[in-house]
Amino acid sequence: MSDRRASAANKRRTAEPGGQRAGRRDPSLTAESFEALRHLRQGVAAKRPWHLVLLEAVGMWTSPGEVLRGQERQYLVAGEAFDLLTLAQRLGEEVAEGIPQVEWRAFLVHGRFPQPVEEEDFRALLGSAKVKGLLNYWYGVALEGALQAAVRDEMRKERLSVGMRTQAGVADHAFRRIYGATRGLLLQQFRQAGSEEAVAVNGGGLAAKAGQSPKAFLYWLFKLRVRESEKARVASDTRKALLWLQRRRPEPLLTMMQGLALAEAEVGNGV
């Protein structure tokens, strides 16, 4: 073996999960998250079903975000909404060589596991705290984005029905219909609120940048809408967003999220 190859092999042997060299942990990762990476690698190497090992690692993970290879990754939007797919994608990168690419793509694109995962098992693997955060993401990010898209579609149809072919300004008018203000004004308010919160917590920095993400904006809009709208209007908007999403993405993970949401609602109602 050449010196160059020997050096490369030695680096691979001494590397730790997450791209860290032995004895040097990524300071943005908690000990639990570092252990989740180790558990994932060991499980996939042992030929266990990768999707179950992945969900176990997700349940073990505790870091809200990290900087990986110079790129910021945020897994907990606004400190409340758990972004499962972003974390799953990050974890999958650690064991890409052990996951069939067809199965991995089916999971990322269609939310489909290689074998069905029962809702009860899914909840047990993630844990109650992550399921709650996942539901926050479901309502506050996924459905909020779907609601905006559904209203834009409505407005396009309304314009076409009266002979208007131009679609200019549809997005801004949709914001007015949903939130009662333009996107520009709401974005300005969001940034101001986020800056004040970040400065109050830690003087800004990385957390401030994470709090200004598009997903954080969606979540902020969701909370604003729920706070300022009547319950009947909120329920109607939720149904509209859900129908829009179902027509375009009839995915297994989407179905599971509906089941989790219904189960959570039943618990909240004392059923």
Foldseek 3Di string as FASTA:
>chain_A
DDPVVVVVVVQVVQAAFLRHGPPDDQVQFDPQLSVLLVQLVVCLVVVHQNVLSLLLSLQSGDRQWHQRPNRTQGQQAPNFAGNVLSSSVVSCVRVVVSDPPVQVCCCNPFVDHPDDDDLVRSCVSNDPRNLRNNLLLVQQFQLLVLLLVLQLVVVCVVCVVVPHPDSPPSSQVSCCVQQVHGPVVLLVVQLVVLCVVCCVPPNDDPSSVSCSDPRNSSNVSSVNSVVPDDPVVSVVSSVSSLVSCCVPRVHPVSVSSVVSVVVVVCVVVVD
